[in-house]
Amino acid sequence: MNQFELFWSIVVDFFWGLPLVVFILATGFYFSYLSRFKPFIGFFHAFAILSGKYDDKNVPGELSHFQALTVALSGTIGMGNIAGVAIAISLGGAGAVFWMWVAGVFGMIIKFFTCTLSCLYRKKDEDGIEQGGPMYFIECGLGKRFKPLAILFAIAGLIGCIPMFQVNQLASLLKSEFSIAPIYTGIAALLFIGYIIIGDVKRVGSVAARIVPFMFLAYVLSSLFVIVINIDAVPTILLDIFHTAFGSEAIYGGATGLAFKEVLVTGIKRAIFSNEAGVGTEAMAHGTAKTKEPVREGLVAMLGPFFDTHIVCTCTALVILSSGIYSGESGIVMTALSFNQTLPGIGLYIVYTVFTLFALSTMITYSYYSLKCARYLFGKAIGSKFIYVYLAIIPMCAVWSQGTIINIIDTMFALMIFPTLLATILLSKKVITEMHRYFDKL
């Protein structure tokens, strides 16, 4: 391990310890208690909102509710759901899946709070367009004295939203299967992202709205086909997930006899990487929604962890655990081999096709997030030029090791979680007031 890799290995262990996991879970408990789980009453109402029933072109914002959700999902349904779950199982055993589910439930509540605030406290940019996200609701909701928190979030978001993992895993896949040098994958990703993101968020929303529904259905249906073929193993797998969640000896998975702390931290960390609840990235996407009702977008945002953690991650976990393959050169290769175990030949191509779509859509969304942080920090004129620095970094990400990439992202996510959740806790009573007003009106 070189000095660069060693540095990030030490840093991530410092930030991603048990205290941060307890903070995330405690925040989820607190928001659940404060709201009395009332947001879940609006679960089906959220689908009505997505249908366009409540859309109004004359209200503030840039994207429809559906486009805002697909932009957020294009960032969350992707590597975290395919490669991230594989890594969680290889490091934390089957029990890590249980804690991903737990984090998913609390993630729904957390997203309701953060994304409601993102639409409640918006700030106009130099062009008069209202912008939303943690940095804006920290500054506008808590006042100027809390601006250092907003700056911390934006700096971490600037780095953490570089699509390192997506480019790295795609490069790993193409090198493994087609012997394509990683640097060429990095250059191709640079050109693709540059073409899309140099437009604006409306172009990002338009592309996401087309890609995300297709890739979601394609992956879920393919996974269900594999799961049905291996249905006899599913009851045992589910029992093992619950049995090993508290550190017991694993029947399935790459980890045996892990300590409870290790299984818990691994599961929560990979769930956060998957659904990004509390990280604040999703709030930047939902903050673009065309609405005068912040709670309405909060309910739509709540569907995100349900789709990406409880559906897509569960599908990936069951495919991997039923295959008996618990290790690979990388997370994506491990998942691909698991599919191929049940569907020889075509299994690989299913994963490769869907994975490529996942990777490309996530790269687009992440580039928008990073650019938004740059514009907040430096102003629109100077911040917009950061896209060229951003693009220049992408080819390097293709040649770094998987472990280093994950450690960098996890560290930046931890630095984003702290200001996002702290500010949301301080402003949570505002969300409750809005929630009661909206449901009474409804």
Protein backbone atom coordinates (compact mmCIF):
# COMPACT_ATOMS: atom_id res chain seq x y z
CA MET A 1 0.00 0.00 0.00
CA ASN A 2 1.51 3.34 -1.05
CA GLN A 3 1.36 6.51 1.05
CA PHE A 4 -1.66 7.90 -0.83
CA GLU A 5 -3.71 4.74 -0.19
CA LEU A 6 -2.51 4.52 3.42
CA PHE A 7 -3.55 8.12 4.10
CA TRP A 8 -7.14 7.58 2.95
CA SER A 9 -7.33 4.25 4.79
CA ILE A 10 -6.48 6.01 8.07
CA VAL A 11 -8.76 8.99 7.40
CA VAL A 12 -11.84 6.89 6.57
CA ASP A 13 -11.41 4.81 9.75
CA PHE A 14 -11.34 8.04 11.75
CA PHE A 15 -14.54 9.49 10.27
CA TRP A 16 -16.51 6.30 9.70
CA GLY A 17 -16.38 4.88 13.19
CA LEU A 18 -19.24 3.72 15.39
CA PRO A 19 -20.04 7.30 16.57
CA LEU A 20 -21.10 8.40 13.07
CA VAL A 21 -23.25 5.28 12.62
CA VAL A 22 -24.91 5.91 16.00
CA PHE A 23 -25.46 9.56 15.01
CA ILE A 24 -27.20 8.52 11.76
CA LEU A 25 -29.40 5.91 13.46
CA ALA A 26 -30.21 8.25 16.37
CA THR A 27 -31.21 10.96 13.89
CA GLY A 28 -33.50 8.49 12.12
CA PHE A 29 -35.06 7.51 15.47
CA TYR A 30 -35.51 11.18 16.42
CA PHE A 31 -37.18 12.14 13.14
CA SER A 32 -39.42 9.06 13.37
CA TYR A 33 -40.46 10.01 16.91
CA LEU A 34 -40.95 13.66 16.01
CA SER A 35 -43.11 12.88 12.96
CA ARG A 36 -44.80 9.84 14.56
CA PHE A 37 -44.12 8.13 11.20
CA LYS A 38 -46.77 10.38 9.64
CA PRO A 39 -44.84 10.79 6.35
CA PHE A 40 -45.54 7.11 5.64
CA ILE A 41 -49.24 7.97 5.47
CA GLY A 42 -48.38 9.89 2.32
CA PHE A 43 -46.55 6.95 0.71
CA PHE A 44 -49.22 6.29 -1.94
CA HIS A 45 -49.97 9.99 -2.27
CA ALA A 46 -46.35 10.37 -3.40
CA PHE A 47 -47.10 8.21 -6.45
CA ALA A 48 -50.00 10.52 -7.32
CA ILE A 49 -47.58 13.45 -7.14
CA LEU A 50 -45.17 11.60 -9.46
CA SER A 51 -47.96 11.06 -11.99
CA GLY A 52 -48.02 14.81 -12.64
CA LYS A 53 -51.40 15.40 -11.00
CA TYR A 54 -50.03 18.30 -8.95
CA ASP A 55 -47.56 19.74 -11.48
CA ASP A 56 -47.72 23.48 -12.09
CA LYS A 57 -45.42 25.15 -14.64
CA ASN A 58 -45.86 28.56 -13.01
CA VAL A 59 -44.29 27.72 -9.64
CA PRO A 60 -40.57 28.11 -8.70
CA GLY A 61 -38.12 25.40 -9.70
CA GLU A 62 -36.54 23.85 -12.78
CA LEU A 63 -37.70 20.20 -12.90
CA SER A 64 -41.00 18.35 -12.48
CA HIS A 65 -41.46 16.09 -9.43
CA PHE A 66 -40.84 13.04 -11.63
CA GLN A 67 -37.68 14.49 -13.17
CA ALA A 68 -36.34 15.55 -9.76
CA LEU A 69 -36.83 12.00 -8.44
CA THR A 70 -35.22 10.40 -11.50
CA VAL A 71 -32.22 12.74 -11.20
CA ALA A 72 -31.86 11.73 -7.54
CA LEU A 73 -32.35 8.05 -8.38
CA SER A 74 -29.86 8.20 -11.24
CA GLY A 75 -27.32 9.13 -8.57
CA THR A 76 -28.40 6.47 -6.07
CA ILE A 77 -29.54 3.54 -8.24
CA GLY A 78 -26.21 2.46 -9.60
CA MET A 79 -22.88 1.32 -8.29
CA GLY A 80 -24.01 1.33 -4.69
CA ASN A 81 -26.79 -1.10 -5.56
CA ILE A 82 -24.70 -3.45 -7.70
CA ALA A 83 -21.04 -3.16 -6.70
CA GLY A 84 -21.68 -1.63 -3.26
CA VAL A 85 -23.89 -4.50 -2.09
CA ALA A 86 -21.31 -7.02 -3.30
CA ILE A 87 -18.61 -5.23 -1.32
CA ALA A 88 -20.86 -5.09 1.77
CA ILE A 89 -21.42 -8.86 1.65
CA SER A 90 -17.74 -9.64 1.05
CA LEU A 91 -16.71 -7.44 4.01
CA GLY A 92 -19.64 -7.79 6.41
CA GLY A 93 -21.28 -11.08 5.50
CA ALA A 94 -24.99 -11.60 4.92
CA GLY A 95 -25.83 -9.74 8.14
CA ALA A 96 -24.76 -6.45 6.53
CA VAL A 97 -27.87 -6.71 4.32
CA PHE A 98 -30.14 -6.49 7.39
CA TRP A 99 -28.53 -3.21 8.46
CA MET A 100 -28.90 -1.92 4.92
CA TRP A 101 -32.65 -2.52 5.27
CA VAL A 102 -32.74 -0.76 8.64
CA ALA A 103 -30.82 2.19 7.22
CA GLY A 104 -33.27 2.21 4.30
CA VAL A 105 -36.29 2.67 6.58
CA PHE A 106 -34.65 5.50 8.49
CA GLY A 107 -33.34 6.81 5.18
CA MET A 108 -36.92 7.33 4.00
CA ILE A 109 -37.69 9.50 7.04
CA ILE A 110 -34.37 11.36 6.81
CA LYS A 111 -34.92 12.12 3.12
CA PHE A 112 -38.40 13.41 3.87
CA PHE A 113 -36.92 15.94 6.30
CA THR A 114 -33.85 16.98 4.26
CA CYS A 115 -35.70 17.33 0.95
CA THR A 116 -38.62 19.21 2.48
CA LEU A 117 -36.09 21.69 3.87
CA SER A 118 -34.36 21.86 0.49
CA CYS A 119 -37.56 23.25 -1.07
CA LEU A 120 -38.57 25.26 1.99
CA TYR A 121 -35.34 27.29 2.06
CA ARG A 122 -34.21 28.12 -1.45
CA LYS A 123 -31.99 30.97 -2.59
CA LYS A 124 -31.91 32.74 -5.95
CA ASP A 125 -28.63 32.61 -7.88
CA GLU A 126 -27.19 35.35 -10.08
CA ASP A 127 -29.66 34.48 -12.84
CA GLY A 128 -32.66 34.65 -10.51
CA ILE A 129 -33.14 30.85 -10.47
CA GLU A 130 -34.02 29.39 -7.06
CA GLN A 131 -31.44 26.87 -5.85
CA GLY A 132 -31.95 24.28 -3.12
CA GLY A 133 -29.73 21.92 -1.17
CA PRO A 134 -28.13 21.57 2.27
CA MET A 135 -25.78 24.53 1.79
CA TYR A 136 -28.78 26.74 1.03
CA PHE A 137 -31.08 25.54 3.83
CA ILE A 138 -28.17 25.78 6.29
CA GLU A 139 -27.45 29.37 5.26
CA CYS A 140 -31.06 30.55 4.79
CA GLY A 141 -32.66 28.49 7.55
CA LEU A 142 -30.07 28.86 10.31
CA GLY A 143 -28.49 32.20 9.38
CA LYS A 144 -25.07 33.50 8.40
CA ARG A 145 -23.33 32.34 11.58
CA PHE A 146 -23.87 28.73 10.43
CA LYS A 147 -22.39 29.38 6.99
CA PRO A 148 -19.13 27.52 7.86
CA LEU A 149 -21.27 24.35 7.99
CA ALA A 150 -22.63 25.15 4.54
CA ILE A 151 -19.09 25.69 3.23
CA LEU A 152 -17.93 22.39 4.77
CA PHE A 153 -20.76 20.57 3.01
CA ALA A 154 -20.00 22.25 -0.33
CA ILE A 155 -16.25 21.49 -0.17
CA ALA A 156 -16.91 17.82 0.68
CA GLY A 157 -19.58 17.66 -2.03
CA LEU A 158 -17.20 19.17 -4.55
CA ILE A 159 -14.84 16.19 -4.08
CA GLY A 160 -17.24 13.46 -2.97
CA CYS A 161 -19.45 13.91 -6.04
CA ILE A 162 -16.67 13.25 -8.53
CA PRO A 163 -17.84 9.93 -10.06
CA MET A 164 -14.68 8.11 -8.98
CA PHE A 165 -16.33 4.82 -8.07
CA GLN A 166 -18.47 4.68 -11.22
CA VAL A 167 -15.54 5.34 -13.57
CA ASN A 168 -13.29 2.99 -11.58
CA GLN A 169 -15.76 0.09 -11.64
CA LEU A 170 -16.60 0.59 -15.31
CA ALA A 171 -12.87 0.61 -16.13
CA SER A 172 -12.41 -2.55 -14.05
CA LEU A 173 -15.24 -4.26 -15.92
CA LEU A 174 -14.00 -3.31 -19.40
CA LYS A 175 -10.44 -4.31 -18.56
CA SER A 176 -11.59 -7.66 -17.13
CA GLU A 177 -13.83 -8.58 -20.06
CA PHE A 178 -12.45 -6.76 -23.08
CA SER A 179 -8.85 -5.93 -22.06
CA ILE A 180 -9.48 -2.20 -22.54
CA ALA A 181 -6.90 -0.12 -20.70
CA PRO A 182 -8.54 1.85 -17.81
CA ILE A 183 -7.17 5.17 -19.06
CA TYR A 184 -9.22 4.84 -22.29
CA THR A 185 -12.38 4.23 -20.27
CA GLY A 186 -11.57 7.34 -18.25
CA ILE A 187 -11.15 9.47 -21.38
CA ALA A 188 -14.42 8.16 -22.88
CA ALA A 189 -16.24 8.96 -19.62
CA LEU A 190 -14.73 12.45 -19.66
CA LEU A 191 -16.11 13.14 -23.16
CA PHE A 192 -19.56 11.71 -22.39
CA ILE A 193 -20.03 13.60 -19.11
CA GLY A 194 -18.65 16.79 -20.60
CA TYR A 195 -21.19 16.73 -23.43
CA ILE A 196 -24.18 16.30 -21.08
CA ILE A 197 -23.23 18.47 -18.11
CA ILE A 198 -21.99 21.50 -20.04
CA GLY A 199 -25.71 21.99 -20.79
CA ASP A 200 -27.80 22.59 -17.66
CA VAL A 201 -29.89 20.76 -15.06
CA LYS A 202 -32.82 20.57 -17.50
CA ARG A 203 -30.69 18.47 -19.84
CA VAL A 204 -29.61 16.29 -16.89
CA GLY A 205 -33.28 15.90 -15.88
CA SER A 206 -34.33 15.02 -19.42
CA VAL A 207 -31.62 12.34 -19.80
CA ALA A 208 -32.31 10.88 -16.33
CA ALA A 209 -36.08 10.70 -16.93
CA ARG A 210 -35.42 8.54 -20.01
CA ILE A 211 -32.71 6.24 -18.65
CA VAL A 212 -33.68 5.61 -15.01
CA PRO A 213 -37.11 3.90 -15.41
CA PHE A 214 -35.75 1.58 -18.12
CA MET A 215 -32.62 0.54 -16.22
CA PHE A 216 -34.57 0.08 -12.97
CA LEU A 217 -37.11 -2.28 -14.57
CA ALA A 218 -34.47 -4.13 -16.60
CA TYR A 219 -32.32 -4.85 -13.56
CA VAL A 220 -35.17 -5.75 -11.18
CA LEU A 221 -36.84 -8.11 -13.69
CA SER A 222 -33.51 -9.80 -14.48
CA SER A 223 -32.78 -10.21 -10.76
CA LEU A 224 -36.23 -11.62 -10.04
CA PHE A 225 -35.73 -14.18 -12.81
CA VAL A 226 -32.51 -15.37 -11.15
CA ILE A 227 -34.12 -15.35 -7.69
CA VAL A 228 -37.09 -17.44 -8.89
CA ILE A 229 -34.70 -20.02 -10.37
CA ASN A 230 -32.95 -20.23 -6.97
CA ILE A 231 -36.13 -19.86 -4.91
CA ASP A 232 -35.38 -22.97 -2.80
CA ALA A 233 -32.34 -21.21 -1.29
CA VAL A 234 -34.14 -17.94 -0.49
CA PRO A 235 -35.72 -18.93 2.89
CA THR A 236 -32.33 -20.10 4.22
CA ILE A 237 -30.66 -16.92 2.94
CA LEU A 238 -33.24 -14.70 4.64
CA LEU A 239 -32.80 -16.56 7.93
CA ASP A 240 -29.04 -16.18 7.63
CA ILE A 241 -29.36 -12.43 7.00
CA PHE A 242 -31.25 -12.01 10.28
CA HIS A 243 -29.12 -14.53 12.16
CA THR A 244 -25.78 -12.97 11.23
CA ALA A 245 -26.92 -9.33 11.55
CA PHE A 246 -25.76 -9.34 15.16
CA GLY A 247 -22.36 -10.84 14.50
CA SER A 248 -23.11 -14.57 14.63
CA GLU A 249 -21.30 -17.05 12.43
CA ALA A 250 -22.19 -16.62 8.78
CA ILE A 251 -23.64 -19.42 6.66
CA TYR A 252 -23.59 -17.30 3.52
CA GLY A 253 -21.27 -14.40 2.73
CA GLY A 254 -17.54 -13.87 2.78
CA ALA A 255 -17.28 -13.03 6.48
CA THR A 256 -17.44 -15.54 9.31
CA GLY A 257 -17.90 -14.79 12.99
CA LEU A 258 -17.66 -11.04 12.55
CA ALA A 259 -18.13 -8.76 15.52
CA PHE A 260 -21.51 -7.02 15.69
CA LYS A 261 -19.85 -3.61 15.36
CA GLU A 262 -18.14 -4.57 12.09
CA VAL A 263 -21.34 -5.96 10.53
CA LEU A 264 -23.34 -2.93 11.67
CA VAL A 265 -20.85 -0.31 10.43
CA THR A 266 -20.39 -2.11 7.08
CA GLY A 267 -24.14 -2.40 6.50
CA ILE A 268 -24.91 1.23 7.40
CA LYS A 269 -21.93 2.59 5.46
CA ARG A 270 -22.86 0.73 2.27
CA ALA A 271 -26.57 1.63 2.67
CA ILE A 272 -25.64 5.31 2.93
CA PHE A 273 -23.45 4.88 -0.15
CA SER A 274 -26.43 3.32 -1.91
CA ASN A 275 -29.35 5.60 -0.98
CA GLU A 276 -27.37 8.70 0.15
CA ALA A 277 -29.98 9.49 2.84
CA GLY A 278 -28.63 12.25 5.06
CA VAL A 279 -25.64 12.86 2.79
CA GLY A 280 -27.37 15.83 1.19
CA THR A 281 -26.76 14.99 -2.46
CA GLU A 282 -30.38 13.91 -2.94
CA ALA A 283 -31.53 17.22 -1.43
CA MET A 284 -29.68 19.09 -4.17
CA ALA A 285 -31.68 17.20 -6.80
CA HIS A 286 -35.04 17.53 -5.06
CA GLY A 287 -34.34 21.20 -4.39
CA THR A 288 -34.81 21.81 -8.14
CA ALA A 289 -38.45 20.61 -8.12
CA LYS A 290 -41.20 22.90 -9.40
CA THR A 291 -43.39 23.27 -6.31
CA LYS A 292 -44.71 25.68 -3.73
CA GLU A 293 -45.34 22.80 -1.35
CA PRO A 294 -42.04 21.62 0.20
CA VAL A 295 -43.70 18.63 1.89
CA ARG A 296 -44.90 17.40 -1.48
CA GLU A 297 -41.31 17.02 -2.68
CA GLY A 298 -40.32 15.54 0.68
CA LEU A 299 -42.86 12.74 0.13
CA VAL A 300 -41.55 12.11 -3.39
CA ALA A 301 -37.97 12.00 -2.06
CA MET A 302 -39.02 9.42 0.51
CA LEU A 303 -39.60 6.93 -2.30
CA GLY A 304 -35.89 7.01 -3.19
CA PRO A 305 -34.57 4.69 -0.43
CA PHE A 306 -37.58 2.41 -0.96
CA PHE A 307 -36.67 1.89 -4.62
CA ASP A 308 -32.90 1.72 -4.34
CA THR A 309 -32.37 0.01 -0.97
CA HIS A 310 -35.42 -2.13 -0.34
CA ILE A 311 -35.94 -3.21 -3.95
CA VAL A 312 -32.71 -2.95 -5.98
CA CYS A 313 -30.21 -3.70 -3.16
CA THR A 314 -32.32 -6.62 -1.95
CA CYS A 315 -32.42 -8.05 -5.48
CA THR A 316 -28.62 -7.80 -5.76
CA ALA A 317 -28.10 -9.38 -2.32
CA LEU A 318 -30.36 -12.36 -3.05
CA VAL A 319 -28.69 -12.95 -6.42
CA ILE A 320 -25.20 -12.91 -4.87
CA LEU A 321 -26.07 -14.96 -1.79
CA SER A 322 -27.89 -17.60 -3.84
CA SER A 323 -24.92 -17.94 -6.22
CA GLY A 324 -22.31 -18.84 -3.60
CA ILE A 325 -19.80 -16.36 -5.07
CA TYR A 326 -18.53 -14.04 -2.34
CA SER A 327 -15.39 -12.56 -3.82
CA GLY A 328 -14.19 -11.01 -7.05
CA GLU A 329 -11.67 -8.60 -8.50
CA SER A 330 -14.17 -5.83 -7.84
CA GLY A 331 -17.75 -5.42 -6.67
CA ILE A 332 -19.15 -5.31 -10.20
CA VAL A 333 -17.24 -8.41 -11.32
CA MET A 334 -18.49 -10.28 -8.24
CA THR A 335 -22.11 -9.38 -9.08
CA ALA A 336 -21.65 -10.26 -12.76
CA LEU A 337 -20.24 -13.67 -11.84
CA SER A 338 -23.21 -14.25 -9.54
CA PHE A 339 -25.66 -13.59 -12.37
CA ASN A 340 -23.65 -15.78 -14.72
CA GLN A 341 -23.71 -18.63 -12.22
CA THR A 342 -27.48 -18.96 -12.75
CA LEU A 343 -27.70 -17.65 -16.32
CA PRO A 344 -24.52 -18.88 -18.04
CA GLY A 345 -23.49 -16.60 -20.89
CA ILE A 346 -26.38 -14.13 -20.85
CA GLY A 347 -26.02 -13.32 -17.14
CA LEU A 348 -22.81 -11.41 -17.76
CA TYR A 349 -24.27 -9.36 -20.58
CA ILE A 350 -27.37 -8.44 -18.56
CA VAL A 351 -25.19 -7.03 -15.79
CA TYR A 352 -22.77 -5.35 -18.19
CA THR A 353 -25.55 -3.60 -20.12
CA VAL A 354 -27.46 -2.42 -17.06
CA PHE A 355 -24.26 -1.59 -15.22
CA THR A 356 -23.06 0.64 -18.06
CA LEU A 357 -26.38 2.53 -18.01
CA PHE A 358 -26.19 2.82 -14.20
CA ALA A 359 -22.62 4.10 -14.35
CA LEU A 360 -23.31 6.67 -17.06
CA SER A 361 -26.48 8.02 -15.43
CA THR A 362 -24.76 8.32 -12.04
CA MET A 363 -21.79 10.10 -13.60
CA ILE A 364 -24.14 12.69 -15.12
CA THR A 365 -25.97 13.35 -11.85
CA TYR A 366 -22.82 13.45 -9.73
CA SER A 367 -21.23 15.95 -12.09
CA TYR A 368 -24.28 18.19 -11.60
CA TYR A 369 -23.97 17.89 -7.80
CA SER A 370 -20.27 18.73 -7.82
CA LEU A 371 -20.80 21.68 -10.15
CA LYS A 372 -23.61 22.97 -7.93
CA CYS A 373 -21.26 22.91 -4.91
CA ALA A 374 -18.61 24.77 -6.93
CA ARG A 375 -21.09 27.47 -7.93
CA TYR A 376 -22.13 27.90 -4.30
CA LEU A 377 -18.53 28.29 -3.16
CA PHE A 378 -17.18 30.50 -5.94
CA GLY A 379 -20.23 32.05 -7.60
CA LYS A 380 -21.79 30.97 -10.87
CA ALA A 381 -19.26 32.59 -13.22
CA ILE A 382 -16.12 31.10 -11.62
CA GLY A 383 -17.80 27.97 -10.23
CA SER A 384 -19.03 26.92 -13.68
CA LYS A 385 -15.41 26.70 -14.84
CA PHE A 386 -14.78 23.98 -12.24
CA ILE A 387 -16.33 21.54 -14.72
CA TYR A 388 -13.01 21.50 -16.61
CA VAL A 389 -11.05 20.59 -13.46
CA TYR A 390 -13.72 17.99 -12.68
CA LEU A 391 -13.44 16.41 -16.14
CA ALA A 392 -9.64 16.36 -15.96
CA ILE A 393 -9.75 14.31 -12.74
CA ILE A 394 -12.00 11.58 -14.19
CA PRO A 395 -9.32 9.65 -16.18
CA MET A 396 -7.17 9.40 -13.02
CA CYS A 397 -10.05 7.76 -11.16
CA ALA A 398 -10.03 4.95 -13.71
CA VAL A 399 -6.53 3.84 -12.72
CA TRP A 400 -6.69 4.15 -8.90
CA SER A 401 -7.40 1.11 -6.74
CA GLN A 402 -10.98 0.27 -5.72
CA GLY A 403 -10.12 0.50 -2.02
CA THR A 404 -8.66 4.00 -2.31
CA ILE A 405 -11.65 5.23 -4.31
CA ILE A 406 -14.13 3.89 -1.74
CA ASN A 407 -12.16 5.41 1.16
CA ILE A 408 -12.10 8.86 -0.48
CA ILE A 409 -15.84 8.81 -1.18
CA ASP A 410 -16.74 7.46 2.26
CA THR A 411 -14.65 10.20 3.90
CA MET A 412 -16.32 12.96 1.85
CA PHE A 413 -19.78 11.48 2.52
CA ALA A 414 -19.05 11.53 6.26
CA LEU A 415 -18.07 15.21 6.01
CA MET A 416 -21.32 15.91 4.14
CA ILE A 417 -23.49 13.93 6.56
CA PHE A 418 -22.46 15.90 9.65
CA PRO A 419 -23.55 19.41 8.49
CA THR A 420 -26.62 18.05 6.66
CA LEU A 421 -28.03 16.11 9.60
CA LEU A 422 -27.04 18.67 12.24
CA ALA A 423 -28.82 21.45 10.32
CA THR A 424 -31.83 19.20 9.67
CA ILE A 425 -32.12 18.42 13.39
CA LEU A 426 -32.02 22.13 14.23
CA LEU A 427 -34.69 22.89 11.60
CA SER A 428 -36.79 19.75 12.14
CA LYS A 429 -39.62 21.58 13.94
CA LYS A 430 -40.10 23.68 10.77
CA VAL A 431 -40.61 20.47 8.81
CA ILE A 432 -43.17 19.20 11.33
CA THR A 433 -45.10 22.46 11.08
CA GLU A 434 -45.13 22.23 7.28
CA MET A 435 -46.07 18.55 7.42
CA HIS A 436 -49.14 19.15 9.62
CA ARG A 437 -50.20 22.10 7.47
CA TYR A 438 -49.93 20.07 4.27
CA PHE A 439 -51.74 16.98 5.56
CA ASP A 440 -54.52 19.10 7.12
CA LYS A 441 -54.95 20.88 3.79
CA LEU A 442 -54.91 17.57 1.90
